[in-house]
Amino acid sequence: FYLIAMMSKAWCEKHGVTRPQDYNAKQETHAVRQAMGTG
């Protein structure tokens, strides 16, 4: 579980990012350029 980040369920649902970005497809999502962690 080292490096497995915990995200806000509410924030991801609000911004439509309940699935990770498809990096290889160069997908743009809200989570690509914005963040909401606990760090």
PDB file of all heavy atoms in Angstrom:
ATOM      1  N   PHE A   1       0.810  -1.211   0.000  1.00  0.00           N
ATOM      2  CA  PHE A   1       0.000   0.000   0.000  1.00  0.00           C
ATOM      3  C   PHE A   1       0.854   1.277   0.000  1.00  0.00           C
ATOM      4  O   PHE A   1       0.299   2.376  -0.058  1.00  0.00           O
ATOM      5  CB  PHE A   1      -0.974   0.010   1.185  1.00  0.00           C
ATOM      6  CG  PHE A   1      -2.316  -0.565   0.822  1.00  0.00           C
ATOM      7  CD1 PHE A   1      -2.565  -1.913   0.953  1.00  0.00           C
ATOM      8  CD2 PHE A   1      -3.322   0.253   0.333  1.00  0.00           C
ATOM      9  CE1 PHE A   1      -3.787  -2.447   0.607  1.00  0.00           C
ATOM     10  CE2 PHE A   1      -4.552  -0.262  -0.019  1.00  0.00           C
ATOM     11  CZ  PHE A   1      -4.799  -1.628   0.121  1.00  0.00           C
ATOM     12  N   TYR A   2       2.180   1.123   0.046  1.00  0.00           N
ATOM     13  CA  TYR A   2       3.046   2.294  -0.060  1.00  0.00           C
ATOM     14  C   TYR A   2       2.876   2.913  -1.450  1.00  0.00           C
ATOM     15  O   TYR A   2       2.916   2.224  -2.462  1.00  0.00           O
ATOM     16  CB  TYR A   2       4.500   1.890   0.171  1.00  0.00           C
ATOM     17  CG  TYR A   2       5.498   2.988  -0.064  1.00  0.00           C
ATOM     18  CD1 TYR A   2       5.397   4.203   0.604  1.00  0.00           C
ATOM     19  CD2 TYR A   2       6.552   2.816  -0.959  1.00  0.00           C
ATOM     20  CE1 TYR A   2       6.319   5.222   0.392  1.00  0.00           C
ATOM     21  CE2 TYR A   2       7.483   3.826  -1.171  1.00  0.00           C
ATOM     22  CZ  TYR A   2       7.351   5.027  -0.493  1.00  0.00           C
ATOM     23  OH  TYR A   2       8.264   6.031  -0.715  1.00  0.00           O
ATOM     24  N   LEU A   3       2.650   4.215  -1.510  1.00  0.00           N
ATOM     25  CA  LEU A   3       2.418   5.011  -2.718  1.00  0.00           C
ATOM     26  C   LEU A   3       1.026   4.835  -3.310  1.00  0.00           C
ATOM     27  O   LEU A   3       0.754   5.338  -4.401  1.00  0.00           O
ATOM     28  CB  LEU A   3       3.483   4.736  -3.794  1.00  0.00           C
ATOM     29  CG  LEU A   3       4.932   5.054  -3.415  1.00  0.00           C
ATOM     30  CD1 LEU A   3       5.873   4.737  -4.576  1.00  0.00           C
ATOM     31  CD2 LEU A   3       5.089   6.501  -2.994  1.00  0.00           C
ATOM     32  N   ILE A   4       0.126   4.162  -2.606  1.00  0.00           N
ATOM     33  CA  ILE A   4      -1.266   4.080  -3.051  1.00  0.00           C
ATOM     34  C   ILE A   4      -2.017   5.241  -2.396  1.00  0.00           C
ATOM     35  O   ILE A   4      -2.336   5.211  -1.205  1.00  0.00           O
ATOM     36  CB  ILE A   4      -1.918   2.737  -2.670  1.00  0.00           C
ATOM     37  CG1 ILE A   4      -1.148   1.576  -3.304  1.00  0.00           C
ATOM     38  CG2 ILE A   4      -3.375   2.729  -3.093  1.00  0.00           C
ATOM     39  CD1 ILE A   4      -1.143   1.562  -4.810  1.00  0.00           C
ATOM     40  N   ALA A   5      -2.278   6.280  -3.183  1.00  0.00           N
ATOM     41  CA  ALA A   5      -2.835   7.525  -2.647  1.00  0.00           C
ATOM     42  C   ALA A   5      -4.311   7.387  -2.311  1.00  0.00           C
ATOM     43  O   ALA A   5      -5.082   6.754  -3.031  1.00  0.00           O
ATOM     44  CB  ALA A   5      -2.645   8.650  -3.658  1.00  0.00           C
ATOM     45  N   MET A   6      -4.694   8.020  -1.205  1.00  0.00           N
ATOM     46  CA  MET A   6      -6.096   8.100  -0.802  1.00  0.00           C
ATOM     47  C   MET A   6      -6.689   9.423  -1.302  1.00  0.00           C
ATOM     48  O   MET A   6      -6.131  10.499  -1.057  1.00  0.00           O
ATOM     49  CB  MET A   6      -6.208   8.025   0.722  1.00  0.00           C
ATOM     50  CG  MET A   6      -5.722   6.699   1.315  1.00  0.00           C
ATOM     51  SD  MET A   6      -6.746   5.270   0.847  1.00  0.00           S
ATOM     52  CE  MET A   6      -5.591   4.363  -0.216  1.00  0.00           C
ATOM     53  N   MET A   7      -7.812   9.320  -1.995  1.00  0.00           N
ATOM     54  CA  MET A   7      -8.477  10.491  -2.566  1.00  0.00           C
ATOM     55  C   MET A   7      -9.827  10.719  -1.895  1.00  0.00           C
ATOM     56  O   MET A   7     -10.389   9.805  -1.278  1.00  0.00           O
ATOM     57  CB  MET A   7      -8.678  10.312  -4.074  1.00  0.00           C
ATOM     58  CG  MET A   7      -7.395  10.123  -4.853  1.00  0.00           C
ATOM     59  SD  MET A   7      -7.672  10.017  -6.644  1.00  0.00           S
ATOM     60  CE  MET A   7      -8.018  11.746  -7.045  1.00  0.00           C
ATOM     61  N   SER A   8     -10.337  11.911  -2.041  1.00  0.00           N
ATOM     62  CA  SER A   8     -11.658  12.254  -1.509  1.00  0.00           C
ATOM     63  C   SER A   8     -12.737  11.712  -2.439  1.00  0.00           C
ATOM     64  O   SER A   8     -12.803  12.092  -3.617  1.00  0.00           O
ATOM     65  CB  SER A   8     -11.794  13.774  -1.383  1.00  0.00           C
ATOM     66  OG  SER A   8     -13.147  14.145  -1.235  1.00  0.00           O
ATOM     67  N   LYS A   9     -13.582  10.840  -1.922  1.00  0.00           N
ATOM     68  CA  LYS A   9     -14.675  10.296  -2.726  1.00  0.00           C
ATOM     69  C   LYS A   9     -15.592  11.419  -3.200  1.00  0.00           C
ATOM     70  O   LYS A   9     -15.979  11.479  -4.381  1.00  0.00           O
ATOM     71  CB  LYS A   9     -15.468   9.280  -1.910  1.00  0.00           C
ATOM     72  CG  LYS A   9     -16.659   8.694  -2.643  1.00  0.00           C
ATOM     73  CD  LYS A   9     -17.460   7.739  -1.762  1.00  0.00           C
ATOM     74  CE  LYS A   9     -18.661   7.186  -2.512  1.00  0.00           C
ATOM     75  NZ  LYS A   9     -19.484   6.301  -1.640  1.00  0.00           N
ATOM     76  N   ALA A  10     -15.943  12.338  -2.301  1.00  0.00           N
ATOM     77  CA  ALA A  10     -16.860  13.423  -2.646  1.00  0.00           C
ATOM     78  C   ALA A  10     -16.276  14.314  -3.732  1.00  0.00           C
ATOM     79  O   ALA A  10     -16.978  14.713  -4.678  1.00  0.00           O
ATOM     80  CB  ALA A  10     -17.186  14.245  -1.405  1.00  0.00           C
ATOM     81  N   TRP A  11     -14.984  14.636  -3.621  1.00  0.00           N
ATOM     82  CA  TRP A  11     -14.340  15.503  -4.602  1.00  0.00           C
ATOM     83  C   TRP A  11     -14.292  14.838  -5.972  1.00  0.00           C
ATOM     84  O   TRP A  11     -14.568  15.470  -7.001  1.00  0.00           O
ATOM     85  CB  TRP A  11     -12.932  15.850  -4.128  1.00  0.00           C
ATOM     86  CG  TRP A  11     -12.183  16.825  -4.984  1.00  0.00           C
ATOM     87  CD1 TRP A  11     -12.277  18.185  -4.964  1.00  0.00           C
ATOM     88  CD2 TRP A  11     -11.197  16.499  -5.982  1.00  0.00           C
ATOM     89  NE1 TRP A  11     -11.413  18.732  -5.894  1.00  0.00           N
ATOM     90  CE2 TRP A  11     -10.745  17.728  -6.535  1.00  0.00           C
ATOM     91  CE3 TRP A  11     -10.669  15.300  -6.472  1.00  0.00           C
ATOM     92  CZ2 TRP A  11      -9.781  17.780  -7.536  1.00  0.00           C
ATOM     93  CZ3 TRP A  11      -9.704  15.357  -7.471  1.00  0.00           C
ATOM     94  CH2 TRP A  11      -9.269  16.578  -7.992  1.00  0.00           C
ATOM     95  N   CYS A  12     -13.953  13.547  -6.003  1.00  0.00           N
ATOM     96  CA  CYS A  12     -13.882  12.826  -7.281  1.00  0.00           C
ATOM     97  C   CYS A  12     -15.255  12.717  -7.931  1.00  0.00           C
ATOM     98  O   CYS A  12     -15.385  12.875  -9.159  1.00  0.00           O
ATOM     99  CB  CYS A  12     -13.276  11.440  -7.062  1.00  0.00           C
ATOM    100  SG  CYS A  12     -11.501  11.450  -6.694  1.00  0.00           S
ATOM    101  N   GLU A  13     -16.278  12.449  -7.132  1.00  0.00           N
ATOM    102  CA  GLU A  13     -17.629  12.358  -7.687  1.00  0.00           C
ATOM    103  C   GLU A  13     -18.096  13.712  -8.208  1.00  0.00           C
ATOM    104  O   GLU A  13     -18.713  13.804  -9.286  1.00  0.00           O
ATOM    105  CB  GLU A  13     -18.591  11.821  -6.630  1.00  0.00           C
ATOM    106  CG  GLU A  13     -18.362  10.355  -6.303  1.00  0.00           C
ATOM    107  CD  GLU A  13     -19.253   9.840  -5.189  1.00  0.00           C
ATOM    108  OE1 GLU A  13     -19.813  10.678  -4.432  1.00  0.00           O
ATOM    109  OE2 GLU A  13     -19.375   8.606  -5.061  1.00  0.00           O
ATOM    110  N   LYS A  14     -17.803  14.765  -7.475  1.00  0.00           N
ATOM    111  CA  LYS A  14     -18.219  16.106  -7.877  1.00  0.00           C
ATOM    112  C   LYS A  14     -17.595  16.508  -9.211  1.00  0.00           C
ATOM    113  O   LYS A  14     -18.257  17.155 -10.051  1.00  0.00           O
ATOM    114  CB  LYS A  14     -17.810  17.114  -6.799  1.00  0.00           C
ATOM    115  CG  LYS A  14     -18.134  18.562  -7.150  1.00  0.00           C
ATOM    116  CD  LYS A  14     -17.678  19.508  -6.041  1.00  0.00           C
ATOM    117  CE  LYS A  14     -17.952  20.965  -6.402  1.00  0.00           C
ATOM    118  NZ  LYS A  14     -17.485  21.893  -5.322  1.00  0.00           N
ATOM    119  N   HIS A  15     -16.352  16.096  -9.439  1.00  0.00           N
ATOM    120  CA  HIS A  15     -15.630  16.547 -10.626  1.00  0.00           C
ATOM    121  C   HIS A  15     -15.530  15.472 -11.713  1.00  0.00           C
ATOM    122  O   HIS A  15     -14.786  15.656 -12.692  1.00  0.00           O
ATOM    123  CB  HIS A  15     -14.240  17.024 -10.232  1.00  0.00           C
ATOM    124  CG  HIS A  15     -14.257  18.230  -9.347  1.00  0.00           C
ATOM    125  ND1 HIS A  15     -14.656  19.480  -9.794  1.00  0.00           N
ATOM    126  CD2 HIS A  15     -13.954  18.378  -8.030  1.00  0.00           C
ATOM    127  CE1 HIS A  15     -14.589  20.346  -8.797  1.00  0.00           C
ATOM    128  NE2 HIS A  15     -14.167  19.701  -7.722  1.00  0.00           N
ATOM    129  N   GLY A  16     -16.271  14.384 -11.567  1.00  0.00           N
ATOM    130  CA  GLY A  16     -16.314  13.364 -12.609  1.00  0.00           C
ATOM    131  C   GLY A  16     -15.016  12.627 -12.835  1.00  0.00           C
ATOM    132  O   GLY A  16     -14.681  12.278 -13.982  1.00  0.00           O
ATOM    133  N   VAL A  17     -14.272  12.367 -11.748  1.00  0.00           N
ATOM    134  CA  VAL A  17     -12.981  11.676 -11.886  1.00  0.00           C
ATOM    135  C   VAL A  17     -12.950  10.439 -10.991  1.00  0.00           C
ATOM    136  O   VAL A  17     -11.973  10.177 -10.288  1.00  0.00           O
ATOM    137  CB  VAL A  17     -11.790  12.619 -11.580  1.00  0.00           C
ATOM    138  CG1 VAL A  17     -11.620  13.623 -12.696  1.00  0.00           C
ATOM    139  CG2 VAL A  17     -11.959  13.327 -10.241  1.00  0.00           C
ATOM    140  N   THR A  18     -14.026   9.671 -11.029  1.00  0.00           N
ATOM    141  CA  THR A  18     -14.068   8.451 -10.223  1.00  0.00           C
ATOM    142  C   THR A  18     -13.174   7.355 -10.809  1.00  0.00           C
ATOM    143  O   THR A  18     -12.879   6.380 -10.125  1.00  0.00           O
ATOM    144  CB  THR A  18     -15.504   7.930 -10.099  1.00  0.00           C
ATOM    145  OG1 THR A  18     -16.049   7.725 -11.408  1.00  0.00           O
ATOM    146  CG2 THR A  18     -16.379   8.922  -9.334  1.00  0.00           C
ATOM    147  N   ARG A  19     -12.747   7.507 -12.058  1.00  0.00           N
ATOM    148  CA  ARG A  19     -11.764   6.602 -12.663  1.00  0.00           C
ATOM    149  C   ARG A  19     -10.475   7.388 -12.910  1.00  0.00           C
ATOM    150  O   ARG A  19     -10.509   8.591 -13.153  1.00  0.00           O
ATOM    151  CB  ARG A  19     -12.277   6.025 -13.984  1.00  0.00           C
ATOM    152  CG  ARG A  19     -13.522   5.176 -13.841  1.00  0.00           C
ATOM    153  CD  ARG A  19     -13.943   4.623 -15.186  1.00  0.00           C
ATOM    154  NE  ARG A  19     -13.029   3.592 -15.665  1.00  0.00           N
ATOM    155  CZ  ARG A  19     -13.188   2.278 -15.439  1.00  0.00           C
ATOM    156  NH1 ARG A  19     -14.252   1.865 -14.751  1.00  0.00           N
ATOM    157  NH2 ARG A  19     -12.331   1.393 -15.910  1.00  0.00           N
ATOM    158  N   PRO A  20      -9.328   6.718 -12.880  1.00  0.00           N
ATOM    159  CA  PRO A  20      -8.071   7.413 -13.151  1.00  0.00           C
ATOM    160  C   PRO A  20      -8.007   7.920 -14.587  1.00  0.00           C
ATOM    161  O   PRO A  20      -8.677   7.402 -15.480  1.00  0.00           O
ATOM    162  CB  PRO A  20      -7.003   6.337 -12.909  1.00  0.00           C
ATOM    163  CG  PRO A  20      -7.673   5.294 -12.087  1.00  0.00           C
ATOM    164  CD  PRO A  20      -9.111   5.322 -12.487  1.00  0.00           C
ATOM    165  N   GLN A  21      -7.196   8.915 -14.790  1.00  0.00           N
ATOM    166  CA  GLN A  21      -6.886   9.389 -16.134  1.00  0.00           C
ATOM    167  C   GLN A  21      -6.277   8.242 -16.938  1.00  0.00           C
ATOM    168  O   GLN A  21      -5.449   7.480 -16.450  1.00  0.00           O
ATOM    169  CB  GLN A  21      -5.871  10.535 -16.051  1.00  0.00           C
ATOM    170  CG  GLN A  21      -5.296  10.967 -17.384  1.00  0.00           C
ATOM    171  CD  GLN A  21      -3.942  11.645 -17.257  1.00  0.00           C
ATOM    172  OE1 GLN A  21      -3.290  11.554 -16.197  1.00  0.00           O
ATOM    173  NE2 GLN A  21      -3.492  12.311 -18.299  1.00  0.00           N
ATOM    174  N   ASP A  22      -6.661   8.122 -18.195  1.00  0.00           N
ATOM    175  CA  ASP A  22      -6.011   7.189 -19.115  1.00  0.00           C
ATOM    176  C   ASP A  22      -4.807   7.910 -19.692  1.00  0.00           C
ATOM    177  O   ASP A  22      -4.905   8.643 -20.672  1.00  0.00           O
ATOM    178  CB  ASP A  22      -6.986   6.763 -20.214  1.00  0.00           C
ATOM    179  CG  ASP A  22      -6.422   5.646 -21.084  1.00  0.00           C
ATOM    180  OD1 ASP A  22      -5.178   5.517 -21.148  1.00  0.00           O
ATOM    181  OD2 ASP A  22      -7.210   4.921 -21.714  1.00  0.00           O
ATOM    182  N   TYR A  23      -3.675   7.714 -19.065  1.00  0.00           N
ATOM    183  CA  TYR A  23      -2.484   8.474 -19.434  1.00  0.00           C
ATOM    184  C   TYR A  23      -2.018   8.163 -20.851  1.00  0.00           C
ATOM    185  O   TYR A  23      -1.666   9.062 -21.621  1.00  0.00           O
ATOM    186  CB  TYR A  23      -1.355   8.207 -18.440  1.00  0.00           C
ATOM    187  CG  TYR A  23      -0.084   8.880 -18.849  1.00  0.00           C
ATOM    188  CD1 TYR A  23       0.087  10.243 -18.649  1.00  0.00           C
ATOM    189  CD2 TYR A  23       0.930   8.178 -19.512  1.00  0.00           C
ATOM    190  CE1 TYR A  23       1.237  10.887 -19.069  1.00  0.00           C
ATOM    191  CE2 TYR A  23       2.076   8.814 -19.935  1.00  0.00           C
ATOM    192  CZ  TYR A  23       2.214  10.169 -19.702  1.00  0.00           C
ATOM    193  OH  TYR A  23       3.348  10.805 -20.136  1.00  0.00           O
ATOM    194  N   ASN A  24      -2.003   6.872 -21.210  1.00  0.00           N
ATOM    195  CA  ASN A  24      -1.505   6.509 -22.533  1.00  0.00           C
ATOM    196  C   ASN A  24      -2.365   7.089 -23.650  1.00  0.00           C
ATOM    197  O   ASN A  24      -1.874   7.331 -24.755  1.00  0.00           O
ATOM    198  CB  ASN A  24      -1.419   4.987 -22.666  1.00  0.00           C
ATOM    199  CG  ASN A  24      -0.264   4.410 -21.859  1.00  0.00           C
ATOM    200  OD1 ASN A  24       0.723   5.091 -21.609  1.00  0.00           O
ATOM    201  ND2 ASN A  24      -0.385   3.164 -21.443  1.00  0.00           N
ATOM    202  N   ALA A  25      -3.651   7.309 -23.361  1.00  0.00           N
ATOM    203  CA  ALA A  25      -4.550   7.915 -24.348  1.00  0.00           C
ATOM    204  C   ALA A  25      -4.512   9.439 -24.290  1.00  0.00           C
ATOM    205  O   ALA A  25      -5.263  10.103 -25.001  1.00  0.00           O
ATOM    206  CB  ALA A  25      -5.981   7.415 -24.130  1.00  0.00           C
ATOM    207  N   LYS A  26      -3.663  10.002 -23.406  1.00  0.00           N
ATOM    208  CA  LYS A  26      -3.530  11.449 -23.228  1.00  0.00           C
ATOM    209  C   LYS A  26      -4.871  12.098 -22.879  1.00  0.00           C
ATOM    210  O   LYS A  26      -5.192  13.192 -23.336  1.00  0.00           O
ATOM    211  CB  LYS A  26      -2.915  12.088 -24.475  1.00  0.00           C
ATOM    212  CG  LYS A  26      -1.522  11.545 -24.788  1.00  0.00           C
ATOM    213  CD  LYS A  26      -0.849  12.277 -25.912  1.00  0.00           C
ATOM    214  CE  LYS A  26       0.559  11.737 -26.144  1.00  0.00           C
ATOM    215  NZ  LYS A  26       1.260  12.432 -27.240  1.00  0.00           N
ATOM    216  N   GLN A  27      -5.619  11.412 -22.041  1.00  0.00           N
ATOM    217  CA  GLN A  27      -6.928  11.913 -21.617  1.00  0.00           C
ATOM    218  C   GLN A  27      -6.771  13.136 -20.711  1.00  0.00           C
ATOM    219  O   GLN A  27      -5.882  13.179 -19.867  1.00  0.00           O
ATOM    220  CB  GLN A  27      -7.683  10.806 -20.875  1.00  0.00           C
ATOM    221  CG  GLN A  27      -9.064  11.199 -20.393  1.00  0.00           C
ATOM    222  CD  GLN A  27      -9.690  10.129 -19.514  1.00  0.00           C
ATOM    223  OE1 GLN A  27      -8.988   9.290 -18.944  1.00  0.00           O
ATOM    224  NE2 GLN A  27     -11.008  10.139 -19.410  1.00  0.00           N
ATOM    225  N   GLU A  28      -7.636  14.113 -20.887  1.00  0.00           N
ATOM    226  CA  GLU A  28      -7.688  15.275 -20.004  1.00  0.00           C
ATOM    227  C   GLU A  28      -8.878  15.129 -19.058  1.00  0.00           C
ATOM    228  O   GLU A  28     -10.000  14.888 -19.502  1.00  0.00           O
ATOM    229  CB  GLU A  28      -7.847  16.564 -20.814  1.00  0.00           C
ATOM    230  CG  GLU A  28      -6.525  17.116 -21.335  1.00  0.00           C
ATOM    231  CD  GLU A  28      -5.644  17.657 -20.225  1.00  0.00           C
ATOM    232  OE1 GLU A  28      -6.179  18.105 -19.194  1.00  0.00           O
ATOM    233  OE2 GLU A  28      -4.414  17.624 -20.389  1.00  0.00           O
ATOM    234  N   THR A  29      -8.610  15.234 -17.749  1.00  0.00           N
ATOM    235  CA  THR A  29      -9.674  15.199 -16.755  1.00  0.00           C
ATOM    236  C   THR A  29      -9.398  16.291 -15.724  1.00  0.00           C
ATOM    237  O   THR A  29      -8.326  16.896 -15.701  1.00  0.00           O
ATOM    238  CB  THR A  29      -9.755  13.840 -16.028  1.00  0.00           C
ATOM    239  OG1 THR A  29      -8.656  13.739 -15.099  1.00  0.00           O
ATOM    240  CG2 THR A  29      -9.708  12.665 -16.999  1.00  0.00           C
ATOM    241  N   HIS A  30     -10.370  16.506 -14.845  1.00  0.00           N
ATOM    242  CA  HIS A  30     -10.220  17.508 -13.784  1.00  0.00           C
ATOM    243  C   HIS A  30      -9.031  17.184 -12.881  1.00  0.00           C
ATOM    244  O   HIS A  30      -8.349  18.092 -12.382  1.00  0.00           O
ATOM    245  CB  HIS A  30     -11.510  17.552 -12.962  1.00  0.00           C
ATOM    246  CG  HIS A  30     -11.563  18.671 -11.970  1.00  0.00           C
ATOM    247  ND1 HIS A  30     -11.884  19.966 -12.306  1.00  0.00           N
ATOM    248  CD2 HIS A  30     -11.325  18.688 -10.621  1.00  0.00           C
ATOM    249  CE1 HIS A  30     -11.860  20.730 -11.218  1.00  0.00           C
ATOM    250  NE2 HIS A  30     -11.519  19.981 -10.187  1.00  0.00           N
ATOM    251  N   ALA A  31      -8.761  15.883 -12.668  1.00  0.00           N
ATOM    252  CA  ALA A  31      -7.700  15.473 -11.749  1.00  0.00           C
ATOM    253  C   ALA A  31      -6.304  15.592 -12.351  1.00  0.00           C
ATOM    254  O   ALA A  31      -5.312  15.450 -11.634  1.00  0.00           O
ATOM    255  CB  ALA A  31      -7.934  14.031 -11.290  1.00  0.00           C
ATOM    256  N   VAL A  32      -6.209  15.873 -13.637  1.00  0.00           N
ATOM    257  CA  VAL A  32      -4.898  16.000 -14.268  1.00  0.00           C
ATOM    258  C   VAL A  32      -4.193  17.272 -13.808  1.00  0.00           C
ATOM    259  O   VAL A  32      -2.984  17.290 -13.610  1.00  0.00           O
ATOM    260  CB  VAL A  32      -5.040  15.978 -15.803  1.00  0.00           C
ATOM    261  CG1 VAL A  32      -3.718  16.333 -16.479  1.00  0.00           C
ATOM    262  CG2 VAL A  32      -5.512  14.608 -16.271  1.00  0.00           C
ATOM    263  N   ARG A  33      -4.952  18.344 -13.606  1.00  0.00           N
ATOM    264  CA  ARG A  33      -4.344  19.639 -13.301  1.00  0.00           C
ATOM    265  C   ARG A  33      -4.825  20.234 -11.989  1.00  0.00           C
ATOM    266  O   ARG A  33      -4.458  21.343 -11.636  1.00  0.00           O
ATOM    267  CB  ARG A  33      -4.595  20.614 -14.456  1.00  0.00           C
ATOM    268  CG  ARG A  33      -4.200  19.957 -15.748  1.00  0.00           C
ATOM    269  CD  ARG A  33      -3.976  20.861 -16.901  1.00  0.00           C
ATOM    270  NE  ARG A  33      -3.491  20.034 -17.996  1.00  0.00           N
ATOM    271  CZ  ARG A  33      -2.213  19.716 -18.177  1.00  0.00           C
ATOM    272  NH1 ARG A  33      -1.287  20.203 -17.380  1.00  0.00           N
ATOM    273  NH2 ARG A  33      -1.860  18.927 -19.159  1.00  0.00           N
ATOM    274  N   GLN A  34      -5.636  19.501 -11.257  1.00  0.00           N
ATOM    275  CA  GLN A  34      -6.094  19.957  -9.958  1.00  0.00           C
ATOM    276  C   GLN A  34      -6.013  18.787  -8.976  1.00  0.00           C
ATOM    277  O   GLN A  34      -5.969  17.627  -9.379  1.00  0.00           O
ATOM    278  CB  GLN A  34      -7.509  20.498 -10.059  1.00  0.00           C
ATOM    279  CG  GLN A  34      -7.620  21.613 -11.105  1.00  0.00           C
ATOM    280  CD  GLN A  34      -8.958  22.296 -11.110  1.00  0.00           C
ATOM    281  OE1 GLN A  34      -9.334  22.945 -10.146  1.00  0.00           O
ATOM    282  NE2 GLN A  34      -9.672  22.156 -12.213  1.00  0.00           N
ATOM    283  N   ALA A  35      -5.969  19.082  -7.695  1.00  0.00           N
ATOM    284  CA  ALA A  35      -5.743  18.027  -6.709  1.00  0.00           C
ATOM    285  C   ALA A  35      -6.436  18.363  -5.398  1.00  0.00           C
ATOM    286  O   ALA A  35      -6.616  19.535  -5.056  1.00  0.00           O
ATOM    287  CB  ALA A  35      -4.245  17.838  -6.475  1.00  0.00           C
ATOM    288  N   MET A  36      -6.794  17.312  -4.652  1.00  0.00           N
ATOM    289  CA  MET A  36      -7.398  17.474  -3.328  1.00  0.00           C
ATOM    290  C   MET A  36      -6.982  16.281  -2.477  1.00  0.00           C
ATOM    291  O   MET A  36      -7.614  15.231  -2.492  1.00  0.00           O
ATOM    292  CB  MET A  36      -8.931  17.544  -3.439  1.00  0.00           C
ATOM    293  CG  MET A  36      -9.632  17.809  -2.120  1.00  0.00           C
ATOM    294  SD  MET A  36      -9.107  19.361  -1.356  1.00  0.00           S
ATOM    295  CE  MET A  36      -9.689  20.539  -2.579  1.00  0.00           C
ATOM    296  N   GLY A  37      -5.885  16.448  -1.759  1.00  0.00           N
ATOM    297  CA  GLY A  37      -5.385  15.370  -0.919  1.00  0.00           C
ATOM    298  C   GLY A  37      -5.448  15.712   0.555  1.00  0.00           C
ATOM    299  O   GLY A  37      -6.112  16.670   0.962  1.00  0.00           O
ATOM    300  N   THR A  38      -4.723  14.923   1.353  1.00  0.00           N
ATOM    301  CA  THR A  38      -4.617  15.171   2.795  1.00  0.00           C
ATOM    302  C   THR A  38      -3.187  15.541   3.175  1.00  0.00           C
ATOM    303  O   THR A  38      -2.897  15.768   4.345  1.00  0.00           O
ATOM    304  CB  THR A  38      -4.993  13.916   3.595  1.00  0.00           C
ATOM    305  OG1 THR A  38      -4.079  12.857   3.244  1.00  0.00           O
ATOM    306  CG2 THR A  38      -6.429  13.476   3.320  1.00  0.00           C
ATOM    307  N   GLY A  39      -2.283  15.588   2.197  1.00  0.00           N
ATOM    308  CA  GLY A  39      -0.854  15.691   2.476  1.00  0.00           C
ATOM    309  C   GLY A  39      -0.401  17.015   3.054  1.00  0.00           C
ATOM    310  O   GLY A  39      -1.176  17.968   3.195  1.00  0.00           O
TER     311      GLY A  39
END
